[in-house]
Amino acid sequence: MMRQQLVSKGTRVTTSIGRRSKAVTMKRRQIIDAALSLFSQYGLHGTRLEQVASQAEVSKTNLLYYFPSKEALYQAVLQDILSLWLTPLRAIEASLQPEQAISDYIRPKLGFSRDHPQASRLFCQEILQGAPLLADELSGDLRLLVEEKASLLHAWMAEGRLTQ
């Protein structure tokens, strides 16, 4: 555990840094996991914050401390899913052999779908609804990432390293 010495009016006070941060991270994870379970089952509109708080074993007030609204919580859950989903896509590099890069992309995606069915279901539901709460993400950095990787695939095809 990290400690920091603070000097106040000539008096040294030792405070713990890291313990609070770890507790906050754990509590956020607990809430996101509970929300994922409920959102994937009942959707955004069918899930109440009271249900999430109960399943996360926190008060609704505590939940709202971490996430100011149900929509903010839903977006946090989707961002969490996206961060996992995009890891294999980000790993595709021009220096790799196309077949290996694609295999290294597909294998973890299939594993993610198998190992995280609630996340997969929720993400698919969001996309099928037109991704209303992911619109900013889909038109920003994610779009640039997809365009970058699509350009790489097109380059591999143009070089004859990957067939259409």
C-alpha atoms as a PDB file:
ATOM      1  CA  MET A   1       0.000   0.000   0.000  1.00  0.00           C
ATOM      2  CA  MET A   2       1.305   3.422  -0.926  1.00  0.00           C
ATOM      3  CA  ARG A   3       1.637   6.032   1.826  1.00  0.00           C
ATOM      4  CA  GLN A   4       2.060   9.762   1.552  1.00  0.00           C
ATOM      5  CA  GLN A   5       3.419  12.144   4.170  1.00  0.00           C
ATOM      6  CA  LEU A   6       1.512  15.419   4.455  1.00  0.00           C
ATOM      7  CA  VAL A   7       2.853  18.351   6.402  1.00  0.00           C
ATOM      8  CA  SER A   8       0.249  20.666   7.912  1.00  0.00           C
ATOM      9  CA  LYS A   9       1.223  23.460  10.309  1.00  0.00           C
ATOM     10  CA  GLY A  10       4.388  21.639  11.275  1.00  0.00           C
ATOM     11  CA  THR A  11       2.588  18.352  11.969  1.00  0.00           C
ATOM     12  CA  ARG A  12       3.152  15.251   9.874  1.00  0.00           C
ATOM     13  CA  VAL A  13       0.062  13.276   8.974  1.00  0.00           C
ATOM     14  CA  THR A  14       0.300   9.932   7.204  1.00  0.00           C
ATOM     15  CA  THR A  15      -2.543   9.113   4.842  1.00  0.00           C
ATOM     16  CA  SER A  16      -3.176   5.960   2.884  1.00  0.00           C
ATOM     17  CA  ILE A  17      -3.364   6.405  -0.842  1.00  0.00           C
ATOM     18  CA  GLY A  18      -4.474   3.455  -2.801  1.00  0.00           C
ATOM     19  CA  ARG A  19      -6.838   1.918  -0.271  1.00  0.00           C
ATOM     20  CA  ARG A  20      -9.604   4.364  -1.192  1.00  0.00           C
ATOM     21  CA  SER A  21      -8.817   4.066  -4.881  1.00  0.00           C
ATOM     22  CA  LYS A  22      -8.982   0.278  -4.678  1.00  0.00           C
ATOM     23  CA  ALA A  23     -12.293   0.417  -2.810  1.00  0.00           C
ATOM     24  CA  VAL A  24     -13.747   2.803  -5.400  1.00  0.00           C
ATOM     25  CA  THR A  25     -12.590   0.562  -8.242  1.00  0.00           C
ATOM     26  CA  MET A  26     -14.049  -2.524  -6.588  1.00  0.00           C
ATOM     27  CA  LYS A  27     -17.367  -0.808  -5.878  1.00  0.00           C
ATOM     28  CA  ARG A  28     -17.624   0.465  -9.472  1.00  0.00           C
ATOM     29  CA  ARG A  29     -16.884  -3.056 -10.744  1.00  0.00           C
ATOM     30  CA  GLN A  30     -19.542  -4.518  -8.445  1.00  0.00           C
ATOM     31  CA  ILE A  31     -22.130  -2.032  -9.747  1.00  0.00           C
ATOM     32  CA  ILE A  32     -21.171  -2.518 -13.404  1.00  0.00           C
ATOM     33  CA  ASP A  33     -21.357  -6.311 -13.066  1.00  0.00           C
ATOM     34  CA  ALA A  34     -24.814  -6.109 -11.468  1.00  0.00           C
ATOM     35  CA  ALA A  35     -25.967  -3.639 -14.113  1.00  0.00           C
ATOM     36  CA  LEU A  36     -24.683  -5.846 -16.931  1.00  0.00           C
ATOM     37  CA  SER A  37     -26.640  -8.791 -15.571  1.00  0.00           C
ATOM     38  CA  LEU A  38     -29.875  -6.788 -15.380  1.00  0.00           C
ATOM     39  CA  PHE A  39     -29.468  -4.700 -18.552  1.00  0.00           C
ATOM     40  CA  SER A  40     -28.703  -7.806 -20.607  1.00  0.00           C
ATOM     41  CA  GLN A  41     -31.845  -9.460 -19.274  1.00  0.00           C
ATOM     42  CA  TYR A  42     -34.324  -6.555 -19.171  1.00  0.00           C
ATOM     43  CA  GLY A  43     -32.753  -3.831 -21.304  1.00  0.00           C
ATOM     44  CA  LEU A  44     -32.194  -0.212 -20.376  1.00  0.00           C
ATOM     45  CA  HIS A  45     -35.850   0.675 -19.972  1.00  0.00           C
ATOM     46  CA  GLY A  46     -36.811  -2.528 -18.179  1.00  0.00           C
ATOM     47  CA  THR A  47     -34.158  -2.180 -15.500  1.00  0.00           C
ATOM     48  CA  ARG A  48     -34.586   0.021 -12.420  1.00  0.00           C
ATOM     49  CA  LEU A  49     -31.693   1.525 -10.494  1.00  0.00           C
ATOM     50  CA  GLU A  50     -33.134   0.017  -7.315  1.00  0.00           C
ATOM     51  CA  GLN A  51     -32.682  -3.438  -8.854  1.00  0.00           C
ATOM     52  CA  VAL A  52     -29.070  -2.705  -9.759  1.00  0.00           C
ATOM     53  CA  ALA A  53     -28.336  -1.297  -6.294  1.00  0.00           C
ATOM     54  CA  SER A  54     -29.891  -4.331  -4.634  1.00  0.00           C
ATOM     55  CA  GLN A  55     -27.966  -6.800  -6.783  1.00  0.00           C
ATOM     56  CA  ALA A  56     -24.720  -4.832  -6.270  1.00  0.00           C
ATOM     57  CA  GLU A  57     -25.422  -4.734  -2.532  1.00  0.00           C
ATOM     58  CA  VAL A  58     -25.194  -0.937  -2.336  1.00  0.00           C
ATOM     59  CA  SER A  59     -27.761   1.733  -1.595  1.00  0.00           C
ATOM     60  CA  LYS A  60     -29.334   3.592  -4.496  1.00  0.00           C
ATOM     61  CA  THR A  61     -27.707   6.766  -3.119  1.00  0.00           C
ATOM     62  CA  ASN A  62     -24.312   5.073  -3.189  1.00  0.00           C
ATOM     63  CA  LEU A  63     -24.924   3.857  -6.735  1.00  0.00           C
ATOM     64  CA  LEU A  64     -25.815   7.410  -7.797  1.00  0.00           C
ATOM     65  CA  TYR A  65     -22.547   8.628  -6.257  1.00  0.00           C
ATOM     66  CA  TYR A  66     -20.678   6.501  -8.812  1.00  0.00           C
ATOM     67  CA  PHE A  67     -23.102   6.896 -11.722  1.00  0.00           C
ATOM     68  CA  PRO A  68     -25.345   9.987 -11.775  1.00  0.00           C
ATOM     69  CA  SER A  69     -28.100   8.358 -13.868  1.00  0.00           C
ATOM     70  CA  LYS A  70     -29.279   5.056 -15.282  1.00  0.00           C
ATOM     71  CA  GLU A  71     -28.137   6.194 -18.734  1.00  0.00           C
ATOM     72  CA  ALA A  72     -24.648   7.008 -17.391  1.00  0.00           C
ATOM     73  CA  LEU A  73     -24.474   3.548 -15.820  1.00  0.00           C
ATOM     74  CA  TYR A  74     -25.673   1.922 -19.044  1.00  0.00           C
ATOM     75  CA  GLN A  75     -23.025   3.797 -21.026  1.00  0.00           C
ATOM     76  CA  ALA A  76     -20.352   2.737 -18.529  1.00  0.00           C
ATOM     77  CA  VAL A  77     -21.415  -0.890 -18.992  1.00  0.00           C
ATOM     78  CA  LEU A  78     -21.260  -0.511 -22.779  1.00  0.00           C
ATOM     79  CA  GLN A  79     -17.845   1.166 -22.557  1.00  0.00           C
ATOM     80  CA  ASP A  80     -16.620  -1.736 -20.442  1.00  0.00           C
ATOM     81  CA  ILE A  81     -17.847  -4.186 -23.069  1.00  0.00           C
ATOM     82  CA  LEU A  82     -16.316  -2.147 -25.885  1.00  0.00           C
ATOM     83  CA  SER A  83     -12.922  -2.051 -24.212  1.00  0.00           C
ATOM     84  CA  LEU A  84     -12.891  -5.867 -24.161  1.00  0.00           C
ATOM     85  CA  TRP A  85     -14.346  -6.242 -27.654  1.00  0.00           C
ATOM     86  CA  LEU A  86     -11.850  -3.849 -29.212  1.00  0.00           C
ATOM     87  CA  THR A  87      -8.675  -5.326 -27.753  1.00  0.00           C
ATOM     88  CA  PRO A  88      -8.288  -7.948 -30.531  1.00  0.00           C
ATOM     89  CA  LEU A  89      -9.064  -5.344 -33.209  1.00  0.00           C
ATOM     90  CA  ARG A  90      -6.390  -2.995 -31.890  1.00  0.00           C
ATOM     91  CA  ALA A  91      -3.877  -5.864 -32.022  1.00  0.00           C
ATOM     92  CA  ILE A  92      -4.146  -6.185 -35.808  1.00  0.00           C
ATOM     93  CA  GLU A  93      -0.942  -4.687 -37.205  1.00  0.00           C
ATOM     94  CA  ALA A  94       0.534  -4.347 -40.698  1.00  0.00           C
ATOM     95  CA  SER A  95       3.642  -6.263 -39.588  1.00  0.00           C
ATOM     96  CA  LEU A  96       1.580  -9.435 -39.012  1.00  0.00           C
ATOM     97  CA  GLN A  97       0.771 -12.042 -41.612  1.00  0.00           C
ATOM     98  CA  PRO A  98      -2.872 -11.491 -42.659  1.00  0.00           C
ATOM     99  CA  GLU A  99      -4.016 -15.036 -41.852  1.00  0.00           C
ATOM    100  CA  GLN A 100      -2.412 -14.885 -38.402  1.00  0.00           C
ATOM    101  CA  ALA A 101      -3.810 -11.400 -37.700  1.00  0.00           C
ATOM    102  CA  ILE A 102      -7.335 -12.461 -38.635  1.00  0.00           C
ATOM    103  CA  SER A 103      -7.058 -15.693 -36.641  1.00  0.00           C
ATOM    104  CA  ASP A 104      -5.725 -13.725 -33.650  1.00  0.00           C
ATOM    105  CA  TYR A 105      -8.738 -11.423 -34.022  1.00  0.00           C
ATOM    106  CA  ILE A 106     -11.463 -14.063 -34.417  1.00  0.00           C
ATOM    107  CA  ARG A 107     -10.309 -16.502 -31.717  1.00  0.00           C
ATOM    108  CA  PRO A 108     -10.586 -14.037 -28.789  1.00  0.00           C
ATOM    109  CA  LYS A 109     -13.858 -12.637 -30.152  1.00  0.00           C
ATOM    110  CA  LEU A 110     -15.415 -16.102 -30.152  1.00  0.00           C
ATOM    111  CA  GLY A 111     -13.988 -16.758 -26.702  1.00  0.00           C
ATOM    112  CA  PHE A 112     -15.411 -13.487 -25.438  1.00  0.00           C
ATOM    113  CA  SER A 113     -18.854 -14.368 -26.797  1.00  0.00           C
ATOM    114  CA  ARG A 114     -18.659 -17.791 -25.137  1.00  0.00           C
ATOM    115  CA  ASP A 115     -17.258 -16.569 -21.820  1.00  0.00           C
ATOM    116  CA  HIS A 116     -19.324 -13.377 -21.539  1.00  0.00           C
ATOM    117  CA  PRO A 117     -22.793 -14.163 -22.927  1.00  0.00           C
ATOM    118  CA  GLN A 118     -24.491 -11.318 -21.032  1.00  0.00           C
ATOM    119  CA  ALA A 119     -22.073  -8.752 -22.466  1.00  0.00           C
ATOM    120  CA  SER A 120     -22.496 -10.178 -25.954  1.00  0.00           C
ATOM    121  CA  ARG A 121     -26.287 -10.137 -25.653  1.00  0.00           C
ATOM    122  CA  LEU A 122     -26.364  -6.556 -24.360  1.00  0.00           C
ATOM    123  CA  PHE A 123     -23.992  -5.296 -27.041  1.00  0.00           C
ATOM    124  CA  CYS A 124     -26.043  -7.002 -29.776  1.00  0.00           C
ATOM    125  CA  GLN A 125     -29.259  -5.528 -28.358  1.00  0.00           C
ATOM    126  CA  GLU A 126     -27.724  -2.064 -28.407  1.00  0.00           C
ATOM    127  CA  ILE A 127     -26.508  -2.425 -32.003  1.00  0.00           C
ATOM    128  CA  LEU A 128     -29.879  -3.830 -33.169  1.00  0.00           C
ATOM    129  CA  GLN A 129     -31.589  -0.757 -31.687  1.00  0.00           C
ATOM    130  CA  GLY A 130     -29.325   1.503 -33.740  1.00  0.00           C
ATOM    131  CA  ALA A 131     -26.833   2.076 -30.902  1.00  0.00           C
ATOM    132  CA  PRO A 132     -28.513   5.261 -29.628  1.00  0.00           C
ATOM    133  CA  LEU A 133     -26.275   5.540 -26.566  1.00  0.00           C
ATOM    134  CA  LEU A 134     -23.114   4.619 -28.453  1.00  0.00           C
ATOM    135  CA  ALA A 135     -23.586   7.103 -31.293  1.00  0.00           C
ATOM    136  CA  ASP A 136     -20.801   9.420 -30.147  1.00  0.00           C
ATOM    137  CA  GLU A 137     -18.385   6.524 -29.685  1.00  0.00           C
ATOM    138  CA  LEU A 138     -19.301   4.945 -33.027  1.00  0.00           C
ATOM    139  CA  SER A 139     -18.774   8.187 -34.900  1.00  0.00           C
ATOM    140  CA  GLY A 140     -15.554   9.143 -33.111  1.00  0.00           C
ATOM    141  CA  ASP A 141     -12.470   7.158 -32.167  1.00  0.00           C
ATOM    142  CA  LEU A 142     -14.086   3.798 -32.871  1.00  0.00           C
ATOM    143  CA  ARG A 143     -14.935   4.814 -36.410  1.00  0.00           C
ATOM    144  CA  LEU A 144     -11.327   5.893 -36.982  1.00  0.00           C
ATOM    145  CA  LEU A 145     -10.068   2.581 -35.589  1.00  0.00           C
ATOM    146  CA  VAL A 146     -12.375   0.557 -37.848  1.00  0.00           C
ATOM    147  CA  GLU A 147     -11.420   2.658 -40.882  1.00  0.00           C
ATOM    148  CA  GLU A 148      -7.728   2.158 -40.078  1.00  0.00           C
ATOM    149  CA  LYS A 149      -8.104  -1.628 -39.845  1.00  0.00           C
ATOM    150  CA  ALA A 150     -10.302  -1.748 -42.982  1.00  0.00           C
ATOM    151  CA  SER A 151      -7.587   0.147 -44.864  1.00  0.00           C
ATOM    152  CA  LEU A 152      -5.056  -2.411 -43.708  1.00  0.00           C
ATOM    153  CA  LEU A 153      -7.260  -5.268 -44.970  1.00  0.00           C
ATOM    154  CA  HIS A 154      -7.667  -3.495 -48.316  1.00  0.00           C
ATOM    155  CA  ALA A 155      -3.893  -3.021 -48.537  1.00  0.00           C
ATOM    156  CA  TRP A 156      -3.331  -6.722 -47.868  1.00  0.00           C
ATOM    157  CA  MET A 157      -5.845  -7.547 -50.622  1.00  0.00           C
ATOM    158  CA  ALA A 158      -4.192  -5.108 -53.049  1.00  0.00           C
ATOM    159  CA  GLU A 159      -0.813  -6.730 -52.323  1.00  0.00           C
ATOM    160  CA  GLY A 160      -2.302 -10.175 -52.982  1.00  0.00           C
ATOM    161  CA  ARG A 161      -1.574 -11.254 -49.390  1.00  0.00           C
ATOM    162  CA  LEU A 162      -5.274 -11.706 -48.658  1.00  0.00           C
ATOM    163  CA  THR A 163      -7.911 -12.847 -51.144  1.00  0.00           C
ATOM    164  CA  GLN A 164     -11.354 -11.351 -51.334  1.00  0.00           C
END
